[in-house]
Amino acid sequence: MVSLINLEAIKKSKLFNNPYPYLMANNVLDKKTSTKINNDFPVMNKTGFFPLELLNIHGAFADLIKELQKPEFSATLTEKLGVELRDKPQMITIRGWSAKKDGRIHNDGAAKIVTALLYLSEDWSDKEDGGGFRVLTSDKSFDDHVVEVTPEYGNFVTFVRTENSWHGHKPFIGKRRVVQITWLRSWEDLERKNKRGAFSFFLKKFLPSFITGIPKY
């Protein structure tokens, strides 16, 4: 089976260390795969990131997830970022839509070691005012950014969590598809986050028009 993820694009990308370690790459996914992966994207009509385990993952999208879970993917980022990820627990969450409140400037908690974002949005316009991931030098303003990565299909960004790894995106309302891959410092951290995610899902699933295509329990 032909690989969906272009690891060479990541391997050839440049590592930046200011204001914190990060790298970005284009064409990590071939544009030709956009239709089949997006056709199999989990059906959801709610904003926010949702745990992989609670979604109906199938088809080409499931194939993509399997590649992200392979040791080769963690090994590639280990070599590029200089942070050991191969023995660390991995957590994958999915977003389909963004609300105005999403993307606020923040820094991840200490439980996270590295976060990677693989974007799947089709027909994203460069004219969109908002929605692009920004590497920030402070927690004060979106204007304090060194780079912006648009959520266009195949775009990829990953960064090391530090005490100053501020990031976020300007407000955007609408479809914004992304797979978030996070490596955690311990299995205890993963268990805690999974419990928190499951509890949040339990509360939200009773709201109207939450998500279709999720297994019923």
C-alpha atoms as a PDB file:
ATOM      1  CA  MET A   1       0.000   0.000   0.000  1.00  0.00           C
ATOM      2  CA  VAL A   2       1.314   3.433  -0.954  1.00  0.00           C
ATOM      3  CA  SER A   3       2.007   5.691   2.011  1.00  0.00           C
ATOM      4  CA  LEU A   4      -0.307   8.662   2.465  1.00  0.00           C
ATOM      5  CA  ILE A   5       2.131  10.697   4.577  1.00  0.00           C
ATOM      6  CA  ASN A   6       5.179  12.209   2.916  1.00  0.00           C
ATOM      7  CA  LEU A   7       7.748  11.813   5.683  1.00  0.00           C
ATOM      8  CA  GLU A   8      10.454  13.182   3.389  1.00  0.00           C
ATOM      9  CA  ALA A   9       8.724  16.566   3.407  1.00  0.00           C
ATOM     10  CA  ILE A  10       9.088  16.616   7.198  1.00  0.00           C
ATOM     11  CA  LYS A  11      12.664  15.321   7.143  1.00  0.00           C
ATOM     12  CA  LYS A  12      13.696  18.064   4.697  1.00  0.00           C
ATOM     13  CA  SER A  13      12.020  20.860   6.655  1.00  0.00           C
ATOM     14  CA  LYS A  14      14.028  23.358   8.673  1.00  0.00           C
ATOM     15  CA  LEU A  15      13.961  23.352  12.449  1.00  0.00           C
ATOM     16  CA  PHE A  16      13.538  26.790  14.025  1.00  0.00           C
ATOM     17  CA  ASN A  17      14.389  27.455  17.674  1.00  0.00           C
ATOM     18  CA  ASN A  18      13.099  30.976  18.168  1.00  0.00           C
ATOM     19  CA  PRO A  19      10.943  31.557  20.177  1.00  0.00           C
ATOM     20  CA  TYR A  20      10.760  27.806  20.803  1.00  0.00           C
ATOM     21  CA  PRO A  21      11.538  24.687  18.724  1.00  0.00           C
ATOM     22  CA  TYR A  22       9.132  24.221  15.819  1.00  0.00           C
ATOM     23  CA  LEU A  23       9.061  23.168  12.192  1.00  0.00           C
ATOM     24  CA  MET A  24       6.543  23.314   9.394  1.00  0.00           C
ATOM     25  CA  ALA A  25       6.132  21.546   6.091  1.00  0.00           C
ATOM     26  CA  ASN A  26       3.913  21.711   3.031  1.00  0.00           C
ATOM     27  CA  ASN A  27       2.567  18.816   0.984  1.00  0.00           C
ATOM     28  CA  VAL A  28       2.854  16.287   3.789  1.00  0.00           C
ATOM     29  CA  LEU A  29      -0.259  14.902   2.133  1.00  0.00           C
ATOM     30  CA  ASP A  30      -0.606  14.793  -1.637  1.00  0.00           C
ATOM     31  CA  LYS A  31      -3.435  17.006  -2.862  1.00  0.00           C
ATOM     32  CA  LYS A  32      -4.653  14.043  -4.926  1.00  0.00           C
ATOM     33  CA  THR A  33      -5.633  12.251  -1.710  1.00  0.00           C
ATOM     34  CA  SER A  34      -7.779  15.140  -0.467  1.00  0.00           C
ATOM     35  CA  THR A  35     -11.108  13.914  -1.816  1.00  0.00           C
ATOM     36  CA  LYS A  36     -10.928  10.363  -0.485  1.00  0.00           C
ATOM     37  CA  ILE A  37      -9.634  11.358   2.946  1.00  0.00           C
ATOM     38  CA  ASN A  38     -12.163  14.153   3.363  1.00  0.00           C
ATOM     39  CA  ASN A  39     -15.000  11.948   2.129  1.00  0.00           C
ATOM     40  CA  ASP A  40     -14.202   9.598   5.015  1.00  0.00           C
ATOM     41  CA  PHE A  41     -13.632  12.355   7.577  1.00  0.00           C
ATOM     42  CA  PRO A  42     -15.741  11.701  10.710  1.00  0.00           C
ATOM     43  CA  VAL A  43     -19.124  13.380  10.517  1.00  0.00           C
ATOM     44  CA  MET A  44     -19.447  16.051  13.193  1.00  0.00           C
ATOM     45  CA  ASN A  45     -21.413  19.247  13.566  1.00  0.00           C
ATOM     46  CA  LYS A  46     -19.906  20.519  16.797  1.00  0.00           C
ATOM     47  CA  THR A  47     -16.797  22.605  17.402  1.00  0.00           C
ATOM     48  CA  GLY A  48     -13.829  21.475  19.458  1.00  0.00           C
ATOM     49  CA  PHE A  49     -11.341  18.616  19.443  1.00  0.00           C
ATOM     50  CA  PHE A  50     -12.764  15.126  19.944  1.00  0.00           C
ATOM     51  CA  PRO A  51     -10.937  11.960  21.027  1.00  0.00           C
ATOM     52  CA  LEU A  52     -10.184   9.542  18.249  1.00  0.00           C
ATOM     53  CA  GLU A  53     -11.649   6.633  20.211  1.00  0.00           C
ATOM     54  CA  LEU A  54     -15.101   8.216  20.331  1.00  0.00           C
ATOM     55  CA  LEU A  55     -15.447   8.840  16.600  1.00  0.00           C
ATOM     56  CA  ASN A  56     -16.451   6.607  13.726  1.00  0.00           C
ATOM     57  CA  ILE A  57     -13.102   6.216  11.980  1.00  0.00           C
ATOM     58  CA  HIS A  58     -13.172   4.347   8.682  1.00  0.00           C
ATOM     59  CA  GLY A  59     -11.886   4.165   5.120  1.00  0.00           C
ATOM     60  CA  ALA A  60      -9.089   6.407   3.871  1.00  0.00           C
ATOM     61  CA  PHE A  61      -9.228   8.534   7.011  1.00  0.00           C
ATOM     62  CA  ALA A  62      -8.612   5.432   9.126  1.00  0.00           C
ATOM     63  CA  ASP A  63      -5.618   4.616   6.910  1.00  0.00           C
ATOM     64  CA  LEU A  64      -4.220   8.091   7.595  1.00  0.00           C
ATOM     65  CA  ILE A  65      -4.616   7.648  11.343  1.00  0.00           C
ATOM     66  CA  LYS A  66      -2.838   4.287  11.215  1.00  0.00           C
ATOM     67  CA  GLU A  67       0.148   5.921   9.526  1.00  0.00           C
ATOM     68  CA  LEU A  68       0.287   8.637  12.173  1.00  0.00           C
ATOM     69  CA  GLN A  69       0.386   5.899  14.809  1.00  0.00           C
ATOM     70  CA  LYS A  70       3.277   4.043  13.193  1.00  0.00           C
ATOM     71  CA  PRO A  71       6.699   4.117  14.909  1.00  0.00           C
ATOM     72  CA  GLU A  72       8.209   5.726  11.805  1.00  0.00           C
ATOM     73  CA  PHE A  73       6.224   8.903  12.340  1.00  0.00           C
ATOM     74  CA  SER A  74       7.318   9.304  15.970  1.00  0.00           C
ATOM     75  CA  ALA A  75      10.881   8.421  14.985  1.00  0.00           C
ATOM     76  CA  THR A  76      10.950  11.121  12.302  1.00  0.00           C
ATOM     77  CA  LEU A  77       9.878  13.827  14.754  1.00  0.00           C
ATOM     78  CA  THR A  78      12.285  12.500  17.393  1.00  0.00           C
ATOM     79  CA  GLU A  79      15.166  13.006  14.983  1.00  0.00           C
ATOM     80  CA  LYS A  80      13.987  16.412  13.755  1.00  0.00           C
ATOM     81  CA  LEU A  81      13.078  17.953  17.113  1.00  0.00           C
ATOM     82  CA  GLY A  82      15.736  16.288  19.244  1.00  0.00           C
ATOM     83  CA  VAL A  83      13.109  15.086  21.725  1.00  0.00           C
ATOM     84  CA  GLU A  84      12.600  11.380  22.401  1.00  0.00           C
ATOM     85  CA  LEU A  85       9.047  10.448  21.407  1.00  0.00           C
ATOM     86  CA  ARG A  86       9.380   6.807  20.412  1.00  0.00           C
ATOM     87  CA  ASP A  87       8.621   5.498  23.907  1.00  0.00           C
ATOM     88  CA  LYS A  88       6.048   8.141  24.808  1.00  0.00           C
ATOM     89  CA  PRO A  89       2.247   7.694  24.749  1.00  0.00           C
ATOM     90  CA  GLN A  90       0.512   9.347  21.814  1.00  0.00           C
ATOM     91  CA  MET A  91      -2.914  10.973  21.849  1.00  0.00           C
ATOM     92  CA  ILE A  92      -4.851  11.884  18.684  1.00  0.00           C
ATOM     93  CA  THR A  93      -7.815  14.260  18.589  1.00  0.00           C
ATOM     94  CA  ILE A  94      -9.854  15.535  15.647  1.00  0.00           C
ATOM     95  CA  ARG A  95     -11.429  18.895  14.865  1.00  0.00           C
ATOM     96  CA  GLY A  96     -13.916  19.582  12.102  1.00  0.00           C
ATOM     97  CA  TRP A  97     -15.247  23.048  12.925  1.00  0.00           C
ATOM     98  CA  SER A  98     -14.087  26.226  14.641  1.00  0.00           C
ATOM     99  CA  ALA A  99     -16.110  28.733  16.631  1.00  0.00           C
ATOM    100  CA  LYS A 100     -15.284  32.358  17.334  1.00  0.00           C
ATOM    101  CA  LYS A 101     -14.046  31.486  20.830  1.00  0.00           C
ATOM    102  CA  ASP A 102     -11.556  28.875  19.591  1.00  0.00           C
ATOM    103  CA  GLY A 103      -7.858  29.443  19.032  1.00  0.00           C
ATOM    104  CA  ARG A 104      -7.203  31.816  21.911  1.00  0.00           C
ATOM    105  CA  ILE A 105      -3.555  32.418  22.779  1.00  0.00           C
ATOM    106  CA  HIS A 106      -2.349  29.764  25.196  1.00  0.00           C
ATOM    107  CA  ASN A 107       0.497  27.502  26.206  1.00  0.00           C
ATOM    108  CA  ASP A 108       0.034  23.764  26.632  1.00  0.00           C
ATOM    109  CA  GLY A 109       0.305  22.107  30.008  1.00  0.00           C
ATOM    110  CA  ALA A 110       3.485  20.408  31.162  1.00  0.00           C
ATOM    111  CA  ALA A 111       2.007  16.952  30.477  1.00  0.00           C
ATOM    112  CA  LYS A 112       2.432  17.574  26.752  1.00  0.00           C
ATOM    113  CA  ILE A 113       5.906  17.127  25.268  1.00  0.00           C
ATOM    114  CA  VAL A 114       5.304  17.732  21.568  1.00  0.00           C
ATOM    115  CA  THR A 115       2.226  18.604  19.541  1.00  0.00           C
ATOM    116  CA  ALA A 116       1.792  18.195  15.780  1.00  0.00           C
ATOM    117  CA  LEU A 117      -1.032  19.509  13.612  1.00  0.00           C
ATOM    118  CA  LEU A 118      -1.883  18.053  10.209  1.00  0.00           C
ATOM    119  CA  TYR A 119      -4.402  20.159   8.312  1.00  0.00           C
ATOM    120  CA  LEU A 120      -7.089  18.760   6.009  1.00  0.00           C
ATOM    121  CA  SER A 121      -9.118  21.808   4.959  1.00  0.00           C
ATOM    122  CA  GLU A 122      -9.959  21.836   1.257  1.00  0.00           C
ATOM    123  CA  ASP A 123     -10.175  25.017  -0.817  1.00  0.00           C
ATOM    124  CA  TRP A 124      -8.805  27.179   1.981  1.00  0.00           C
ATOM    125  CA  SER A 125      -8.452  30.764   0.836  1.00  0.00           C
ATOM    126  CA  ASP A 126      -5.339  32.767   1.688  1.00  0.00           C
ATOM    127  CA  LYS A 127      -7.722  35.685   2.072  1.00  0.00           C
ATOM    128  CA  GLU A 128      -9.317  34.137   5.150  1.00  0.00           C
ATOM    129  CA  ASP A 129      -8.775  36.497   8.079  1.00  0.00           C
ATOM    130  CA  GLY A 130      -8.298  33.980  10.850  1.00  0.00           C
ATOM    131  CA  GLY A 131      -7.800  30.269  11.378  1.00  0.00           C
ATOM    132  CA  GLY A 132      -4.065  30.161  10.644  1.00  0.00           C
ATOM    133  CA  PHE A 133      -1.850  28.672  13.372  1.00  0.00           C
ATOM    134  CA  ARG A 134       0.561  31.283  14.715  1.00  0.00           C
ATOM    135  CA  VAL A 135       3.843  30.738  16.537  1.00  0.00           C
ATOM    136  CA  LEU A 136       3.860  33.589  19.055  1.00  0.00           C
ATOM    137  CA  THR A 137       6.568  35.384  21.001  1.00  0.00           C
ATOM    138  CA  SER A 138       4.216  36.375  23.811  1.00  0.00           C
ATOM    139  CA  ASP A 139       0.779  35.777  25.262  1.00  0.00           C
ATOM    140  CA  LYS A 140      -0.265  39.367  24.613  1.00  0.00           C
ATOM    141  CA  SER A 141      -1.264  39.636  20.966  1.00  0.00           C
ATOM    142  CA  PHE A 142      -1.646  37.691  17.736  1.00  0.00           C
ATOM    143  CA  ASP A 143       0.514  40.405  16.194  1.00  0.00           C
ATOM    144  CA  ASP A 144       3.487  39.017  18.147  1.00  0.00           C
ATOM    145  CA  HIS A 145       3.976  36.143  15.733  1.00  0.00           C
ATOM    146  CA  VAL A 146       6.976  34.863  13.806  1.00  0.00           C
ATOM    147  CA  VAL A 147       5.074  32.666  11.382  1.00  0.00           C
ATOM    148  CA  GLU A 148       1.569  31.595  10.398  1.00  0.00           C
ATOM    149  CA  VAL A 149       0.558  28.209   8.994  1.00  0.00           C
ATOM    150  CA  THR A 150      -2.756  28.125   7.160  1.00  0.00           C
ATOM    151  CA  PRO A 151      -4.979  25.049   7.667  1.00  0.00           C
ATOM    152  CA  GLU A 152      -4.775  24.155   3.980  1.00  0.00           C
ATOM    153  CA  TYR A 153      -4.781  20.476   3.070  1.00  0.00           C
ATOM    154  CA  GLY A 154      -1.374  18.872   3.608  1.00  0.00           C
ATOM    155  CA  ASN A 155       0.114  21.672   5.713  1.00  0.00           C
ATOM    156  CA  PHE A 156       1.893  20.507   8.853  1.00  0.00           C
ATOM    157  CA  VAL A 157       3.361  22.154  11.942  1.00  0.00           C
ATOM    158  CA  THR A 158       4.879  20.679  15.064  1.00  0.00           C
ATOM    159  CA  PHE A 159       6.449  22.235  18.145  1.00  0.00           C
ATOM    160  CA  VAL A 160       8.077  21.378  21.443  1.00  0.00           C
ATOM    161  CA  ARG A 161       6.237  22.426  24.563  1.00  0.00           C
ATOM    162  CA  THR A 162       8.311  24.913  26.591  1.00  0.00           C
ATOM    163  CA  GLU A 163       7.531  27.523  29.232  1.00  0.00           C
ATOM    164  CA  ASN A 164       7.046  30.097  26.459  1.00  0.00           C
ATOM    165  CA  SER A 165       5.500  28.039  23.627  1.00  0.00           C
ATOM    166  CA  TRP A 166       2.617  30.456  23.086  1.00  0.00           C
ATOM    167  CA  HIS A 167       0.420  29.737  20.101  1.00  0.00           C
ATOM    168  CA  GLY A 168      -3.105  30.046  18.746  1.00  0.00           C
ATOM    169  CA  HIS A 169      -5.062  31.388  15.799  1.00  0.00           C
ATOM    170  CA  LYS A 170      -7.156  34.456  15.139  1.00  0.00           C
ATOM    171  CA  PRO A 171     -10.913  33.857  15.360  1.00  0.00           C
ATOM    172  CA  PHE A 172     -12.466  31.862  12.560  1.00  0.00           C
ATOM    173  CA  ILE A 173     -16.006  30.522  12.235  1.00  0.00           C
ATOM    174  CA  GLY A 174     -16.617  27.556   9.958  1.00  0.00           C
ATOM    175  CA  LYS A 175     -15.127  24.314   8.674  1.00  0.00           C
ATOM    176  CA  ARG A 176     -11.523  23.877   9.753  1.00  0.00           C
ATOM    177  CA  ARG A 177     -10.346  20.299   9.632  1.00  0.00           C
ATOM    178  CA  VAL A 178      -7.258  19.203  11.510  1.00  0.00           C
ATOM    179  CA  VAL A 179      -5.744  16.131  13.135  1.00  0.00           C
ATOM    180  CA  GLN A 180      -3.864  16.906  16.341  1.00  0.00           C
ATOM    181  CA  ILE A 181      -1.190  14.471  17.486  1.00  0.00           C
ATOM    182  CA  THR A 182       0.242  14.926  20.966  1.00  0.00           C
ATOM    183  CA  TRP A 183       2.965  13.037  22.786  1.00  0.00           C
ATOM    184  CA  LEU A 184       2.641  12.966  26.571  1.00  0.00           C
ATOM    185  CA  ARG A 185       5.266  12.536  29.263  1.00  0.00           C
ATOM    186  CA  SER A 186       3.648   9.459  30.871  1.00  0.00           C
ATOM    187  CA  TRP A 187       0.918   6.847  30.528  1.00  0.00           C
ATOM    188  CA  GLU A 188      -0.664   8.297  33.680  1.00  0.00           C
ATOM    189  CA  ASP A 189      -1.047  11.624  31.858  1.00  0.00           C
ATOM    190  CA  LEU A 190      -2.667   9.859  28.926  1.00  0.00           C
ATOM    191  CA  GLU A 191      -5.114   8.013  31.176  1.00  0.00           C
ATOM    192  CA  ARG A 192      -6.062  11.224  32.928  1.00  0.00           C
ATOM    193  CA  LYS A 193      -6.640  13.093  29.659  1.00  0.00           C
ATOM    194  CA  ASN A 194      -8.649  10.200  28.224  1.00  0.00           C
ATOM    195  CA  LYS A 195     -10.910  10.182  31.286  1.00  0.00           C
ATOM    196  CA  ARG A 196     -11.368  13.939  31.020  1.00  0.00           C
ATOM    197  CA  GLY A 197     -12.179  13.658  27.315  1.00  0.00           C
ATOM    198  CA  ALA A 198     -14.634  10.830  27.866  1.00  0.00           C
ATOM    199  CA  PHE A 199     -16.416  12.763  30.607  1.00  0.00           C
ATOM    200  CA  SER A 200     -16.677  15.828  28.392  1.00  0.00           C
ATOM    201  CA  PHE A 201     -18.077  13.660  25.607  1.00  0.00           C
ATOM    202  CA  PHE A 202     -20.607  12.101  28.009  1.00  0.00           C
ATOM    203  CA  LEU A 203     -21.903  15.557  28.898  1.00  0.00           C
ATOM    204  CA  LYS A 204     -22.006  16.898  25.376  1.00  0.00           C
ATOM    205  CA  LYS A 205     -23.540  13.909  23.639  1.00  0.00           C
ATOM    206  CA  PHE A 206     -26.930  14.749  25.114  1.00  0.00           C
ATOM    207  CA  LEU A 207     -26.907  18.186  23.511  1.00  0.00           C
ATOM    208  CA  PRO A 208     -28.879  18.600  20.261  1.00  0.00           C
ATOM    209  CA  SER A 209     -27.028  18.036  16.987  1.00  0.00           C
ATOM    210  CA  PHE A 210     -23.815  16.865  18.535  1.00  0.00           C
ATOM    211  CA  ILE A 211     -22.131  14.280  16.336  1.00  0.00           C
ATOM    212  CA  THR A 212     -23.500  11.686  13.991  1.00  0.00           C
ATOM    213  CA  GLY A 213     -21.593   8.587  13.042  1.00  0.00           C
ATOM    214  CA  ILE A 214     -20.434   7.893  16.629  1.00  0.00           C
ATOM    215  CA  PRO A 215     -21.012   4.455  18.066  1.00  0.00           C
ATOM    216  CA  LYS A 216     -23.964   4.364  20.474  1.00  0.00           C
ATOM    217  CA  TYR A 217     -23.343   3.065  23.960  1.00  0.00           C
END
